[in-house]
Amino acid sequence: MTDAKDERYELARANAIRLLRLESALLVLLVLFLGIKATVSTVSAPGALAGEVIFGFLGAGALYISAGGFVKGKSYGRAPAVLANLIVMGVAYFMAGGGRLMIAIPLGLLGLVTFLAALFGYRE
């Protein structure tokens, strides 16, 4: 019985690592897109854009560090991963309410799967 539990734990942990790194990479790509778009178009609020870029890079770094916690089996990766993905699911819900289902559905699914992997991918 413990072998099955160990296998489920290891699978959740490995998935949490992969998904958190994927989210980190996607966030970096989004920030780079915002930066490139800002250079080729007019920005009405450059201060807000700068804040989004800085916040995006910090978030991507935090997700990557959180994945490192799962790699090392340390507890410091779990709480940020769970919280970040709860926020992602809230954002997806908000986007769905605004009619952006093509973005909301994949974003919500990614957030849900990563949330569950992070939730069950750590044990003391």
Protein backbone atom coordinates (compact mmCIF):
# COMPACT_ATOMS: atom_id res chain seq x y z
CA MET A 1 0.00 0.00 0.00
CA THR A 2 2.82 2.40 0.78
CA ASP A 3 4.38 1.69 -2.61
CA ALA A 4 1.28 3.01 -4.37
CA LYS A 5 1.28 6.09 -2.11
CA ASP A 6 4.97 6.64 -2.80
CA GLU A 7 4.39 6.37 -6.54
CA ARG A 8 1.50 8.86 -6.44
CA TYR A 9 3.57 11.26 -4.36
CA GLU A 10 6.57 11.01 -6.71
CA LEU A 11 4.33 11.50 -9.74
CA ALA A 12 2.72 14.59 -8.19
CA ARG A 13 6.13 15.96 -7.18
CA ALA A 14 7.61 15.43 -10.65
CA ASN A 15 4.55 17.01 -12.26
CA ALA A 16 4.72 19.97 -9.88
CA ILE A 17 8.34 20.57 -10.86
CA ARG A 18 7.57 20.41 -14.59
CA LEU A 19 4.44 22.53 -14.39
CA LEU A 20 5.98 25.22 -12.19
CA ARG A 21 8.92 25.51 -14.57
CA LEU A 22 6.48 25.69 -17.50
CA GLU A 23 4.51 28.44 -15.79
CA SER A 24 7.74 30.31 -15.09
CA ALA A 25 8.79 30.08 -18.74
CA LEU A 26 5.35 31.16 -19.96
CA LEU A 27 5.45 34.17 -17.65
CA VAL A 28 8.88 35.16 -18.97
CA LEU A 29 7.57 34.86 -22.54
CA LEU A 30 4.57 37.03 -21.66
CA VAL A 31 6.81 39.68 -20.13
CA LEU A 32 9.09 39.62 -23.17
CA PHE A 33 6.03 39.99 -25.41
CA LEU A 34 4.89 43.01 -23.41
CA GLY A 35 8.36 44.53 -23.65
CA ILE A 36 8.63 43.98 -27.38
CA LYS A 37 5.10 45.24 -27.98
CA ALA A 38 5.93 48.38 -26.00
CA THR A 39 8.90 49.13 -28.25
CA VAL A 40 6.86 48.98 -31.46
CA SER A 41 3.70 50.76 -30.27
CA THR A 42 2.72 53.75 -28.20
CA VAL A 43 2.49 53.12 -24.48
CA SER A 44 -0.06 55.27 -22.70
CA ALA A 45 1.10 54.34 -19.18
CA PRO A 46 4.82 53.48 -19.21
CA GLY A 47 5.01 53.37 -15.41
CA ALA A 48 2.26 50.74 -15.25
CA LEU A 49 3.96 48.71 -17.97
CA ALA A 50 7.28 48.88 -16.14
CA GLY A 51 5.54 47.65 -12.99
CA GLU A 52 3.97 44.75 -14.88
CA VAL A 53 7.31 43.77 -16.39
CA ILE A 54 9.09 43.89 -13.03
CA PHE A 55 6.26 42.01 -11.30
CA GLY A 56 6.25 39.43 -14.11
CA PHE A 57 9.98 38.73 -13.83
CA LEU A 58 9.73 38.50 -10.03
CA GLY A 59 6.79 36.11 -10.34
CA ALA A 60 8.61 33.95 -12.87
CA GLY A 61 11.64 33.81 -10.59
CA ALA A 62 9.47 32.89 -7.60
CA LEU A 63 7.80 30.07 -9.54
CA TYR A 64 11.18 28.73 -10.63
CA ILE A 65 12.52 28.88 -7.06
CA SER A 66 9.34 27.17 -5.89
CA ALA A 67 10.02 24.36 -8.36
CA GLY A 68 13.50 24.12 -6.82
CA GLY A 69 11.88 23.50 -3.46
CA PHE A 70 10.06 20.50 -4.91
CA VAL A 71 13.29 19.25 -6.48
CA LYS A 72 15.03 19.36 -3.09
CA GLY A 73 11.99 18.05 -1.20
CA LYS A 74 11.84 21.21 0.92
CA SER A 75 8.65 22.82 2.14
CA TYR A 76 9.43 26.34 0.91
CA GLY A 77 8.14 25.58 -2.57
CA ARG A 78 4.65 24.39 -1.72
CA ALA A 79 2.89 27.46 -0.31
CA PRO A 80 3.92 29.88 -3.08
CA ALA A 81 3.00 27.33 -5.74
CA VAL A 82 -0.43 26.69 -4.24
CA LEU A 83 -1.13 30.39 -3.71
CA ALA A 84 0.05 31.43 -7.17
CA ASN A 85 -2.14 28.84 -8.83
CA LEU A 86 -5.18 29.80 -6.77
CA ILE A 87 -4.62 33.32 -8.10
CA VAL A 88 -4.28 31.93 -11.64
CA MET A 89 -7.63 30.15 -11.32
CA GLY A 90 -9.22 33.41 -10.10
CA VAL A 91 -7.78 35.26 -13.08
CA ALA A 92 -9.09 32.57 -15.42
CA TYR A 93 -12.56 32.90 -13.88
CA PHE A 94 -12.42 36.67 -14.33
CA MET A 95 -11.32 36.26 -17.97
CA ALA A 96 -14.13 33.78 -18.63
CA GLY A 97 -16.62 36.30 -17.28
CA GLY A 98 -15.20 38.84 -19.71
CA GLY A 99 -15.77 36.52 -22.67
CA ARG A 100 -12.13 35.51 -23.21
CA LEU A 101 -12.74 31.77 -23.10
CA MET A 102 -9.88 30.92 -25.49
CA ILE A 103 -7.47 32.19 -22.85
CA ALA A 104 -9.47 31.41 -19.71
CA ILE A 105 -9.96 27.69 -20.28
CA PRO A 106 -6.31 26.71 -20.89
CA LEU A 107 -5.16 29.09 -18.14
CA GLY A 108 -7.67 27.69 -15.67
CA LEU A 109 -6.77 24.10 -16.51
CA LEU A 110 -3.04 24.80 -16.17
CA GLY A 111 -3.66 26.51 -12.83
CA LEU A 112 -5.86 23.67 -11.55
CA VAL A 113 -3.48 20.88 -12.58
CA THR A 114 -0.45 22.69 -11.15
CA PHE A 115 -2.38 23.50 -7.97
CA LEU A 116 -3.22 19.82 -7.44
CA ALA A 117 0.31 18.68 -8.25
CA ALA A 118 1.77 21.21 -5.81
CA LEU A 119 -0.79 20.32 -3.16
CA PHE A 120 -0.07 16.59 -3.31
CA GLY A 121 3.60 16.75 -4.37
CA TYR A 122 5.00 17.51 -0.95
CA ARG A 123 5.02 15.56 2.27
CA GLU A 124 6.92 15.85 5.49
